[in-house]
C-alpha atoms as a PDB file:
ATOM      1  CA  VAL A   1       0.000   0.000   0.000  1.00  0.00           C
ATOM      2  CA  PRO A   2       1.550   3.290  -0.978  1.00  0.00           C
ATOM      3  CA  THR A   3       2.052   5.785   1.800  1.00  0.00           C
ATOM      4  CA  LEU A   4       1.532   9.466   1.601  1.00  0.00           C
ATOM      5  CA  SER A   5       3.994  11.947   3.006  1.00  0.00           C
ATOM      6  CA  ALA A   6       3.787  15.694   3.465  1.00  0.00           C
ATOM      7  CA  PRO A   7       5.748  17.651   0.901  1.00  0.00           C
ATOM      8  CA  ALA A   8       9.103  18.926   2.106  1.00  0.00           C
ATOM      9  CA  PRO A   9       8.959  22.573   3.171  1.00  0.00           C
ATOM     10  CA  ALA A  10      10.372  24.965   0.661  1.00  0.00           C
ATOM     11  CA  ALA A  11      13.805  26.234   1.493  1.00  0.00           C
ATOM     12  CA  ALA A  12      13.932  29.815   2.694  1.00  0.00           C
ATOM     13  CA  PRO A  13      15.348  32.138   0.073  1.00  0.00           C
ATOM     14  CA  ALA A  14      18.973  32.826   0.640  1.00  0.00           C
ATOM     15  CA  GLY A  15      19.862  36.349   1.618  1.00  0.00           C
ATOM     16  CA  PRO A  16      22.561  38.349  -0.106  1.00  0.00           C
ATOM     17  CA  PRO A  17      26.011  36.905   0.530  1.00  0.00           C
ATOM     18  CA  SER A  18      28.130  38.639   3.131  1.00  0.00           C
ATOM     19  CA  PRO A  19      30.746  40.834   1.524  1.00  0.00           C
ATOM     20  CA  ALA A  20      34.197  39.305   1.643  1.00  0.00           C
ATOM     21  CA  ARG A  21      36.599  40.979   4.014  1.00  0.00           C
ATOM     22  CA  LEU A  22      39.430  42.953   2.518  1.00  0.00           C
ATOM     23  CA  LYS A  23      42.894  41.460   2.715  1.00  0.00           C
ATOM     24  CA  LEU A  24      45.507  43.504   4.529  1.00  0.00           C
ATOM     25  CA  ALA A  25      49.266  43.035   4.404  1.00  0.00           C
ATOM     26  CA  PHE A  26      50.942  44.313   7.549  1.00  0.00           C
ATOM     27  CA  VAL A  27      54.574  44.664   6.524  1.00  0.00           C
ATOM     28  CA  GLY A  28      55.854  45.662   9.971  1.00  0.00           C
ATOM     29  CA  VAL A  29      57.450  48.576  11.796  1.00  0.00           C
ATOM     30  CA  THR A  30      60.905  49.893  10.947  1.00  0.00           C
ATOM     31  CA  ALA A  31      63.418  50.952  13.590  1.00  0.00           C
ATOM     32  CA  GLY A  32      64.333  54.601  13.248  1.00  0.00           C
ATOM     33  CA  SER A  33      66.809  56.784  15.096  1.00  0.00           C
ATOM     34  CA  GLY A  34      67.475  55.711  18.663  1.00  0.00           C
ATOM     35  CA  VAL A  35      65.429  52.495  18.443  1.00  0.00           C
ATOM     36  CA  GLU A  36      66.814  48.967  18.211  1.00  0.00           C
ATOM     37  CA  GLN A  37      65.401  46.529  15.672  1.00  0.00           C
ATOM     38  CA  ALA A  38      64.407  44.130  18.459  1.00  0.00           C
ATOM     39  CA  THR A  39      62.211  46.868  19.931  1.00  0.00           C
ATOM     40  CA  ALA A  40      60.594  47.610  16.574  1.00  0.00           C
ATOM     41  CA  SER A  41      59.955  43.881  16.085  1.00  0.00           C
ATOM     42  CA  ALA A  42      58.240  43.674  19.471  1.00  0.00           C
ATOM     43  CA  VAL A  43      55.998  46.617  18.596  1.00  0.00           C
ATOM     44  CA  SER A  44      55.279  44.995  15.195  1.00  0.00           C
ATOM     45  CA  GLY A  45      54.146  41.802  16.877  1.00  0.00           C
ATOM     46  CA  TYR A  46      51.804  43.708  19.158  1.00  0.00           C
ATOM     47  CA  ILE A  47      50.330  45.747  16.296  1.00  0.00           C
ATOM     48  CA  GLU A  48      49.712  42.577  14.275  1.00  0.00           C
ATOM     49  CA  SER A  49      47.835  41.033  17.207  1.00  0.00           C
ATOM     50  CA  GLN A  50      45.709  44.181  17.572  1.00  0.00           C
ATOM     51  CA  LEU A  51      44.878  44.224  13.858  1.00  0.00           C
ATOM     52  CA  ASN A  52      43.682  40.630  14.130  1.00  0.00           C
ATOM     53  CA  GLU A  53      41.695  41.387  17.280  1.00  0.00           C
ATOM     54  CA  LEU A  54      39.813  44.253  15.628  1.00  0.00           C
ATOM     55  CA  ASN A  55      38.579  41.729  13.031  1.00  0.00           C
ATOM     56  CA  ALA A  56      38.306  44.271  10.215  1.00  0.00           C
ATOM     57  CA  TYR A  57      40.560  42.584   7.639  1.00  0.00           C
ATOM     58  CA  ASP A  58      42.086  39.236   6.790  1.00  0.00           C
ATOM     59  CA  VAL A  59      45.574  40.080   8.036  1.00  0.00           C
ATOM     60  CA  THR A  60      48.831  38.721   6.673  1.00  0.00           C
ATOM     61  CA  GLY A  61      51.735  39.538   8.984  1.00  0.00           C
ATOM     62  CA  PRO A  62      55.438  40.171   8.389  1.00  0.00           C
ATOM     63  CA  ALA A  63      56.476  36.529   8.816  1.00  0.00           C
ATOM     64  CA  ALA A  64      54.004  35.286   6.183  1.00  0.00           C
ATOM     65  CA  ILE A  65      54.922  38.122   3.811  1.00  0.00           C
ATOM     66  CA  ALA A  66      58.629  37.291   4.109  1.00  0.00           C
ATOM     67  CA  ALA A  67      57.843  33.646   3.334  1.00  0.00           C
ATOM     68  CA  VAL A  68      56.074  34.644   0.104  1.00  0.00           C
ATOM     69  CA  ILE A  69      58.238  37.432  -1.279  1.00  0.00           C
ATOM     70  CA  GLY A  70      61.501  37.039   0.655  1.00  0.00           C
ATOM     71  CA  VAL A  71      63.122  38.985   3.461  1.00  0.00           C
ATOM     72  CA  GLU A  72      65.109  41.347   1.246  1.00  0.00           C
ATOM     73  CA  LYS A  73      62.060  42.338  -0.788  1.00  0.00           C
ATOM     74  CA  GLN A  74      60.122  42.841   2.437  1.00  0.00           C
ATOM     75  CA  LYS A  75      62.805  45.282   3.610  1.00  0.00           C
ATOM     76  CA  GLN A  76      62.400  47.208   0.362  1.00  0.00           C
ATOM     77  CA  ILE A  77      58.653  47.343   0.878  1.00  0.00           C
ATOM     78  CA  LEU A  78      59.143  48.784   4.359  1.00  0.00           C
ATOM     79  CA  GLY A  79      61.003  51.624   2.661  1.00  0.00           C
ATOM     80  CA  CYS A  80      58.185  52.445   0.271  1.00  0.00           C
ATOM     81  CA  GLU A  81      57.079  56.047   0.580  1.00  0.00           C
ATOM     82  CA  GLU A  82      53.735  57.302  -0.639  1.00  0.00           C
ATOM     83  CA  GLU A  83      53.052  57.554  -4.364  1.00  0.00           C
ATOM     84  CA  SER A  84      56.725  57.873  -5.344  1.00  0.00           C
ATOM     85  CA  SER A  85      57.398  54.186  -4.720  1.00  0.00           C
ATOM     86  CA  THR A  86      54.424  52.394  -6.204  1.00  0.00           C
ATOM     87  CA  SER A  87      56.220  49.442  -7.762  1.00  0.00           C
ATOM     88  CA  CYS A  88      56.948  47.656  -4.482  1.00  0.00           C
ATOM     89  CA  LEU A  89      53.396  48.256  -3.254  1.00  0.00           C
ATOM     90  CA  THR A  90      52.037  46.879  -6.499  1.00  0.00           C
ATOM     91  CA  GLU A  91      54.259  43.837  -6.012  1.00  0.00           C
ATOM     92  CA  VAL A  92      52.762  43.262  -2.556  1.00  0.00           C
ATOM     93  CA  ALA A  93      49.264  43.449  -3.999  1.00  0.00           C
ATOM     94  CA  GLY A  94      50.152  40.982  -6.737  1.00  0.00           C
ATOM     95  CA  ALA A  95      52.061  38.496  -4.576  1.00  0.00           C
ATOM     96  CA  LEU A  96      49.545  38.411  -1.730  1.00  0.00           C
ATOM     97  CA  ASN A  97      46.363  39.448  -3.553  1.00  0.00           C
ATOM     98  CA  ALA A  98      46.003  42.105  -0.862  1.00  0.00           C
ATOM     99  CA  ASP A  99      43.780  45.186  -0.858  1.00  0.00           C
ATOM    100  CA  ARG A 100      45.429  47.205   1.884  1.00  0.00           C
ATOM    101  CA  THR A 101      48.779  47.499   3.595  1.00  0.00           C
ATOM    102  CA  VAL A 102      49.772  48.967   6.961  1.00  0.00           C
ATOM    103  CA  SER A 103      53.342  49.982   7.707  1.00  0.00           C
ATOM    104  CA  GLY A 104      54.961  51.987  10.465  1.00  0.00           C
ATOM    105  CA  ASP A 105      58.114  53.437  11.899  1.00  0.00           C
ATOM    106  CA  LEU A 106      59.371  53.932  15.442  1.00  0.00           C
ATOM    107  CA  SER A 107      61.999  56.433  16.561  1.00  0.00           C
ATOM    108  CA  ARG A 108      63.212  58.221  19.671  1.00  0.00           C
ATOM    109  CA  VAL A 109      63.710  61.973  19.957  1.00  0.00           C
ATOM    110  CA  ASP A 110      65.121  63.142  23.303  1.00  0.00           C
ATOM    111  CA  ASP A 111      62.766  61.698  25.935  1.00  0.00           C
ATOM    112  CA  ALA A 112      59.948  60.932  23.477  1.00  0.00           C
ATOM    113  CA  ILE A 113      59.150  57.862  21.395  1.00  0.00           C
ATOM    114  CA  LEU A 114      57.377  58.502  18.098  1.00  0.00           C
ATOM    115  CA  LEU A 115      55.150  55.904  16.410  1.00  0.00           C
ATOM    116  CA  ASN A 116      53.812  56.582  12.904  1.00  0.00           C
ATOM    117  CA  LEU A 117      51.398  54.278  11.062  1.00  0.00           C
ATOM    118  CA  THR A 118      50.179  54.472   7.448  1.00  0.00           C
ATOM    119  CA  LEU A 119      47.274  52.675   5.759  1.00  0.00           C
ATOM    120  CA  VAL A 120      47.571  52.390   1.954  1.00  0.00           C
ATOM    121  CA  ASP A 121      45.077  51.252  -0.685  1.00  0.00           C
ATOM    122  CA  LEU A 122      47.118  48.757  -2.721  1.00  0.00           C
ATOM    123  CA  LYS A 123      44.795  48.986  -5.721  1.00  0.00           C
ATOM    124  CA  THR A 124      45.510  52.678  -6.175  1.00  0.00           C
ATOM    125  CA  THR A 125      48.822  52.767  -4.203  1.00  0.00           C
ATOM    126  CA  ARG A 126      47.559  55.892  -2.443  1.00  0.00           C
ATOM    127  CA  PRO A 127      47.558  56.474   1.338  1.00  0.00           C
ATOM    128  CA  ILE A 128      44.151  56.286   2.999  1.00  0.00           C
ATOM    129  CA  SER A 129      45.180  57.590   6.423  1.00  0.00           C
ATOM    130  CA  ARG A 130      48.120  58.287   8.672  1.00  0.00           C
ATOM    131  CA  VAL A 131      48.248  58.318  12.468  1.00  0.00           C
ATOM    132  CA  GLY A 132      51.067  59.323  14.792  1.00  0.00           C
ATOM    133  CA  ARG A 133      51.592  58.998  18.517  1.00  0.00           C
ATOM    134  CA  ARG A 134      54.158  60.792  20.688  1.00  0.00           C
ATOM    135  CA  VAL A 135      54.855  59.318  24.127  1.00  0.00           C
ATOM    136  CA  THR A 136      56.930  61.506  26.443  1.00  0.00           C
ATOM    137  CA  GLY A 137      58.186  61.836  29.989  1.00  0.00           C
ATOM    138  CA  PHE A 138      59.234  59.281  32.584  1.00  0.00           C
ATOM    139  CA  PHE A 139      56.738  56.766  31.234  1.00  0.00           C
ATOM    140  CA  GLY A 140      57.821  57.343  27.618  1.00  0.00           C
ATOM    141  CA  SER A 141      58.956  53.733  27.339  1.00  0.00           C
ATOM    142  CA  VAL A 142      58.183  50.965  24.871  1.00  0.00           C
ATOM    143  CA  ASP A 143      55.483  49.735  27.256  1.00  0.00           C
ATOM    144  CA  SER A 144      53.777  53.115  26.972  1.00  0.00           C
ATOM    145  CA  VAL A 145      54.032  52.902  23.175  1.00  0.00           C
ATOM    146  CA  LEU A 146      52.210  49.569  23.282  1.00  0.00           C
ATOM    147  CA  ASP A 147      49.456  51.193  25.335  1.00  0.00           C
ATOM    148  CA  ALA A 148      49.147  53.960  22.725  1.00  0.00           C
ATOM    149  CA  ALA A 149      49.352  51.628  19.722  1.00  0.00           C
ATOM    150  CA  GLY A 150      45.926  50.018  20.142  1.00  0.00           C
ATOM    151  CA  PRO A 151      43.877  53.249  19.961  1.00  0.00           C
ATOM    152  CA  ALA A 152      46.160  54.470  17.129  1.00  0.00           C
ATOM    153  CA  ILE A 153      45.369  51.378  15.044  1.00  0.00           C
ATOM    154  CA  ALA A 154      41.630  51.743  15.680  1.00  0.00           C
ATOM    155  CA  GLU A 155      41.812  55.384  14.548  1.00  0.00           C
ATOM    156  CA  LEU A 156      43.869  54.439  11.481  1.00  0.00           C
ATOM    157  CA  ILE A 157      41.515  51.809  10.068  1.00  0.00           C
ATOM    158  CA  SER A 158      38.336  53.708  10.997  1.00  0.00           C
ATOM    159  CA  LYS A 159      39.227  56.115   8.151  1.00  0.00           C
ATOM    160  CA  ASP A 160      39.047  53.338   5.547  1.00  0.00           C
ATOM    161  CA  PRO A 161      35.979  54.101   3.355  1.00  0.00           C
ATOM    162  CA  ALA A 162      35.493  50.359   2.818  1.00  0.00           C
ATOM    163  CA  LEU A 163      34.744  50.052   6.548  1.00  0.00           C
ATOM    164  CA  SER A 164      32.308  52.946   6.619  1.00  0.00           C
ATOM    165  CA  GLY A 165      29.641  52.564   9.295  1.00  0.00           C
ATOM    166  CA  ARG A 166      31.751  50.375  11.562  1.00  0.00           C
ATOM    167  CA  THR A 167      33.150  51.615  14.850  1.00  0.00           C
ATOM    168  CA  PHE A 168      36.449  50.309  16.157  1.00  0.00           C
ATOM    169  CA  THR A 169      37.428  50.751  19.773  1.00  0.00           C
ATOM    170  CA  VAL A 170      40.203  49.255  21.853  1.00  0.00           C
ATOM    171  CA  GLU A 171      39.531  48.517  25.491  1.00  0.00           C
ATOM    172  CA  ARG A 172      41.674  50.496  27.907  1.00  0.00           C
ATOM    173  CA  THR A 173      44.530  48.534  29.366  1.00  0.00           C
ATOM    174  CA  PHE A 174      46.414  49.026  32.607  1.00  0.00           C
ATOM    175  CA  GLY A 175      48.400  52.228  32.962  1.00  0.00           C
ATOM    176  CA  GLY A 176      47.473  55.872  33.279  1.00  0.00           C
ATOM    177  CA  LEU A 177      46.121  58.093  36.030  1.00  0.00           C
ATOM    178  CA  LEU A 178      43.957  56.256  38.570  1.00  0.00           C
ATOM    179  CA  ALA A 179      41.993  58.027  41.322  1.00  0.00           C
ATOM    180  CA  SER A 180      40.839  55.632  44.022  1.00  0.00           C
ATOM    181  CA  LEU A 181      39.230  55.191  47.420  1.00  0.00           C
ATOM    182  CA  ARG A 182      40.199  52.341  49.700  1.00  0.00           C
ATOM    183  CA  ALA A 183      39.399  51.002  53.154  1.00  0.00           C
ATOM    184  CA  GLU A 184      42.358  49.930  55.293  1.00  0.00           C
ATOM    185  CA  VAL A 185      42.312  47.780  58.437  1.00  0.00           C
ATOM    186  CA  ASP A 186      45.241  47.259  60.814  1.00  0.00           C
ATOM    187  CA  ILE A 187      44.684  43.776  62.206  1.00  0.00           C
ATOM    188  CA  ALA A 188      47.600  44.176  64.630  1.00  0.00           C
ATOM    189  CA  GLY A 189      46.429  47.465  66.131  1.00  0.00           C
ATOM    190  CA  ARG A 190      42.732  46.919  65.419  1.00  0.00           C
ATOM    191  CA  SER A 191      42.231  50.236  63.717  1.00  0.00           C
ATOM    192  CA  PHE A 192      40.448  51.334  60.556  1.00  0.00           C
ATOM    193  CA  ALA A 193      41.015  54.220  58.149  1.00  0.00           C
ATOM    194  CA  PRO A 194      39.773  55.183  54.672  1.00  0.00           C
ATOM    195  CA  CYS A 195      42.362  56.389  52.165  1.00  0.00           C
ATOM    196  CA  VAL A 196      42.020  58.630  49.110  1.00  0.00           C
ATOM    197  CA  SER A 197      44.838  58.122  46.606  1.00  0.00           C
ATOM    198  CA  ALA A 198      46.075  58.960  43.120  1.00  0.00           C
ATOM    199  CA  GLU A 199      48.291  56.608  41.120  1.00  0.00           C
ATOM    200  CA  LEU A 200      50.224  57.161  37.904  1.00  0.00           C
ATOM    201  CA  THR A 201      51.476  53.965  36.274  1.00  0.00           C
ATOM    202  CA  GLY A 202      52.974  52.586  33.123  1.00  0.00           C
ATOM    203  CA  ARG A 203      52.949  48.935  32.167  1.00  0.00           C
ATOM    204  CA  ARG A 204      55.572  47.925  34.742  1.00  0.00           C
ATOM    205  CA  LEU A 205      56.247  50.830  37.126  1.00  0.00           C
ATOM    206  CA  GLY A 206      54.014  53.207  39.029  1.00  0.00           C
ATOM    207  CA  ALA A 207      53.920  55.781  41.811  1.00  0.00           C
ATOM    208  CA  ALA A 208      51.068  56.555  44.209  1.00  0.00           C
ATOM    209  CA  ILE A 209      50.301  59.156  46.844  1.00  0.00           C
ATOM    210  CA  GLY A 210      47.477  58.949  49.347  1.00  0.00           C
ATOM    211  CA  VAL A 211      45.866  60.659  52.315  1.00  0.00           C
ATOM    212  CA  LEU A 212      44.650  58.565  55.251  1.00  0.00           C
ATOM    213  CA  VAL A 213      41.501  60.052  56.756  1.00  0.00           C
ATOM    214  CA  GLY A 214      40.776  59.469  60.433  1.00  0.00           C
ATOM    215  CA  PRO A 215      41.476  60.591  63.972  1.00  0.00           C
ATOM    216  CA  THR A 216      45.179  60.521  63.090  1.00  0.00           C
ATOM    217  CA  PRO A 217      45.513  61.632  59.467  1.00  0.00           C
ATOM    218  CA  GLY A 218      48.511  60.474  57.478  1.00  0.00           C
ATOM    219  CA  PHE A 219      50.233  61.020  54.150  1.00  0.00           C
ATOM    220  CA  ARG A 220      51.618  58.092  52.111  1.00  0.00           C
ATOM    221  CA  ALA A 221      53.983  57.852  49.157  1.00  0.00           C
ATOM    222  CA  GLU A 222      54.610  54.533  47.418  1.00  0.00           C
ATOM    223  CA  LEU A 223      56.382  53.036  44.413  1.00  0.00           C
ATOM    224  CA  ARG A 224      54.856  50.006  42.710  1.00  0.00           C
ATOM    225  CA  TYR A 225      56.197  47.310  40.432  1.00  0.00           C
ATOM    226  CA  PHE A 226      53.930  45.219  38.193  1.00  0.00           C
ATOM    227  CA  PRO A 227      55.878  42.112  37.123  1.00  0.00           C
ATOM    228  CA  VAL A 228      53.244  40.566  34.858  1.00  0.00           C
ATOM    229  CA  GLU A 229      49.753  40.962  33.432  1.00  0.00           C
ATOM    230  CA  LEU A 230      47.396  37.995  33.610  1.00  0.00           C
ATOM    231  CA  GLY A 231      44.578  39.098  31.348  1.00  0.00           C
ATOM    232  CA  ARG A 232      42.491  41.511  33.411  1.00  0.00           C
ATOM    233  CA  VAL A 233      44.542  40.892  36.564  1.00  0.00           C
ATOM    234  CA  ARG A 234      47.820  42.639  37.380  1.00  0.00           C
ATOM    235  CA  PRO A 235      49.719  41.638  40.562  1.00  0.00           C
ATOM    236  CA  TYR A 236      52.027  44.206  42.138  1.00  0.00           C
ATOM    237  CA  LEU A 237      54.707  44.714  44.760  1.00  0.00           C
ATOM    238  CA  ALA A 238      55.033  48.049  46.530  1.00  0.00           C
ATOM    239  CA  GLY A 239      57.314  49.882  48.915  1.00  0.00           C
ATOM    240  CA  GLY A 240      57.071  53.305  50.496  1.00  0.00           C
ATOM    241  CA  ALA A 241      56.534  55.343  53.634  1.00  0.00           C
ATOM    242  CA  THR A 242      53.663  56.821  55.649  1.00  0.00           C
ATOM    243  CA  LEU A 243      53.907  59.999  57.721  1.00  0.00           C
ATOM    244  CA  PHE A 244      51.818  60.383  60.884  1.00  0.00           C
ATOM    245  CA  ALA A 245      53.384  63.491  62.404  1.00  0.00           C
ATOM    246  CA  PRO A 246      55.551  62.944  64.340  1.00  0.00           C
ATOM    247  CA  ALA A 247      55.605  59.183  63.630  1.00  0.00           C
ATOM    248  CA  VAL A 248      56.824  57.815  60.311  1.00  0.00           C
ATOM    249  CA  SER A 249      56.758  54.287  58.916  1.00  0.00           C
ATOM    250  CA  VAL A 250      58.344  52.275  56.143  1.00  0.00           C
ATOM    251  CA  ARG A 251      56.143  49.730  54.418  1.00  0.00           C
ATOM    252  CA  GLY A 252      56.082  46.873  51.976  1.00  0.00           C
ATOM    253  CA  ALA A 253      52.982  45.492  50.274  1.00  0.00           C
ATOM    254  CA  ALA A 254      51.817  42.844  47.824  1.00  0.00           C
ATOM    255  CA  GLY A 255      48.485  42.826  46.051  1.00  0.00           C
ATOM    256  CA  ALA A 256      46.603  42.639  42.779  1.00  0.00           C
ATOM    257  CA  GLU A 257      44.559  44.949  40.579  1.00  0.00           C
ATOM    258  CA  VAL A 258      41.594  43.824  38.456  1.00  0.00           C
ATOM    259  CA  ARG A 259      40.521  45.806  35.386  1.00  0.00           C
ATOM    260  CA  VAL A 260      36.822  46.128  34.524  1.00  0.00           C
ATOM    261  CA  GLY A 261      36.802  48.746  31.797  1.00  0.00           C
ATOM    262  CA  GLN A 262      37.814  52.044  33.355  1.00  0.00           C
ATOM    263  CA  VAL A 263      36.987  50.770  36.841  1.00  0.00           C
ATOM    264  CA  HIS A 264      39.867  49.109  38.653  1.00  0.00           C
ATOM    265  CA  LEU A 265      39.410  46.973  41.767  1.00  0.00           C
ATOM    266  CA  PHE A 266      42.339  46.132  44.014  1.00  0.00           C
ATOM    267  CA  ALA A 267      43.332  44.556  47.301  1.00  0.00           C
ATOM    268  CA  ASP A 268      46.647  44.145  49.089  1.00  0.00           C
ATOM    269  CA  ALA A 269      48.338  43.170  52.327  1.00  0.00           C
ATOM    270  CA  ALA A 270      51.115  45.276  53.838  1.00  0.00           C
ATOM    271  CA  TYR A 271      53.513  45.408  56.773  1.00  0.00           C
ATOM    272  CA  GLU A 272      54.595  48.730  58.286  1.00  0.00           C
ATOM    273  CA  ARG A 273      57.277  49.439  60.835  1.00  0.00           C
ATOM    274  CA  LEU A 274      56.744  52.726  62.689  1.00  0.00           C
ATOM    275  CA  PHE A 275      59.492  54.929  64.116  1.00  0.00           C
ATOM    276  CA  ASN A 276      59.395  57.911  66.474  1.00  0.00           C
ATOM    277  CA  THR A 277      56.169  56.561  67.891  1.00  0.00           C
ATOM    278  CA  GLY A 278      54.213  57.968  70.794  1.00  0.00           C
ATOM    279  CA  PRO A 279      52.005  56.109  73.275  1.00  0.00           C
ATOM    280  CA  LYS A 280      49.036  56.027  70.904  1.00  0.00           C
ATOM    281  CA  TYR A 281      50.963  54.210  68.142  1.00  0.00           C
ATOM    282  CA  PHE A 282      51.788  50.532  67.787  1.00  0.00           C
ATOM    283  CA  PRO A 283      55.318  50.000  66.434  1.00  0.00           C
ATOM    284  CA  ASN A 284      54.139  47.286  64.004  1.00  0.00           C
ATOM    285  CA  ALA A 285      51.153  47.308  61.679  1.00  0.00           C
ATOM    286  CA  VAL A 286      49.716  44.520  59.527  1.00  0.00           C
ATOM    287  CA  LEU A 287      47.346  46.118  57.041  1.00  0.00           C
ATOM    288  CA  LEU A 288      44.665  44.652  54.817  1.00  0.00           C
ATOM    289  CA  SER A 289      43.071  46.998  52.312  1.00  0.00           C
ATOM    290  CA  ALA A 290      40.650  46.910  49.381  1.00  0.00           C
ATOM    291  CA  GLY A 291      39.222  49.574  47.158  1.00  0.00           C
ATOM    292  CA  ALA A 292      38.189  50.780  43.735  1.00  0.00           C
ATOM    293  CA  GLY A 293      39.373  53.473  41.363  1.00  0.00           C
ATOM    294  CA  TRP A 294      38.587  55.191  38.063  1.00  0.00           C
ATOM    295  CA  LEU A 295      41.127  55.288  35.238  1.00  0.00           C
ATOM    296  CA  PHE A 296      41.319  58.645  33.466  1.00  0.00           C
END
């Protein structure tokens, strides 16, 4: 006996295909005056990772480019300048079938590090955009350049007309000016005090000042060292001094900072040894503290 079956449902009409992503050749960052090649290579590696993370292009990095066209030719490409050197850019487009290229240079002038990035349309060999960053002062180190590189890349590619309508942002990392409020408990002396502080840090080093509010106000100055970053967590070691006129202490601390956007949460444990103490002071303090701050 033949059986009847319901007709198969008609397939839904296919929507328009998603446009293919443009291919980008990132040829690297050259070392300029005052910068070693190893430093430029480290910055190149970071920029390549940020380009991939922004997910705007199919990115081919310096290592893959060198494998296709050779190291010597890659060095020539890094020296290409604007419209006057179109042949090497055309060669990149042909060898890699790329639509865009990003190149950069890194140099040091006095106490500043300069990073320049250029985005070029390989089909027309004309620059689309250029972005520069100047990092100065005590924190004008390579670590600070890495912190500045992410936003610079987002600004650079946001000017590509092929990416019109898309917004590219890079999440803030550790480092910068942090204003915070913490609560501090001395488990040895059984006392409590809030503390208002300001901290200026780079990727590895930082300095903080704070005011302890309470019956006996104090002023604290501290240097901090951040040995490693574990994603959103950054452990630190600190050393400094606290002034409770006329008493003064030296202190050491260990703790960790957690990044949640521009809000930073932290906690640490510290030991302080007080000198020139009066009857109302304990010579030893074991401090536990926790707080939160806003990164400017």
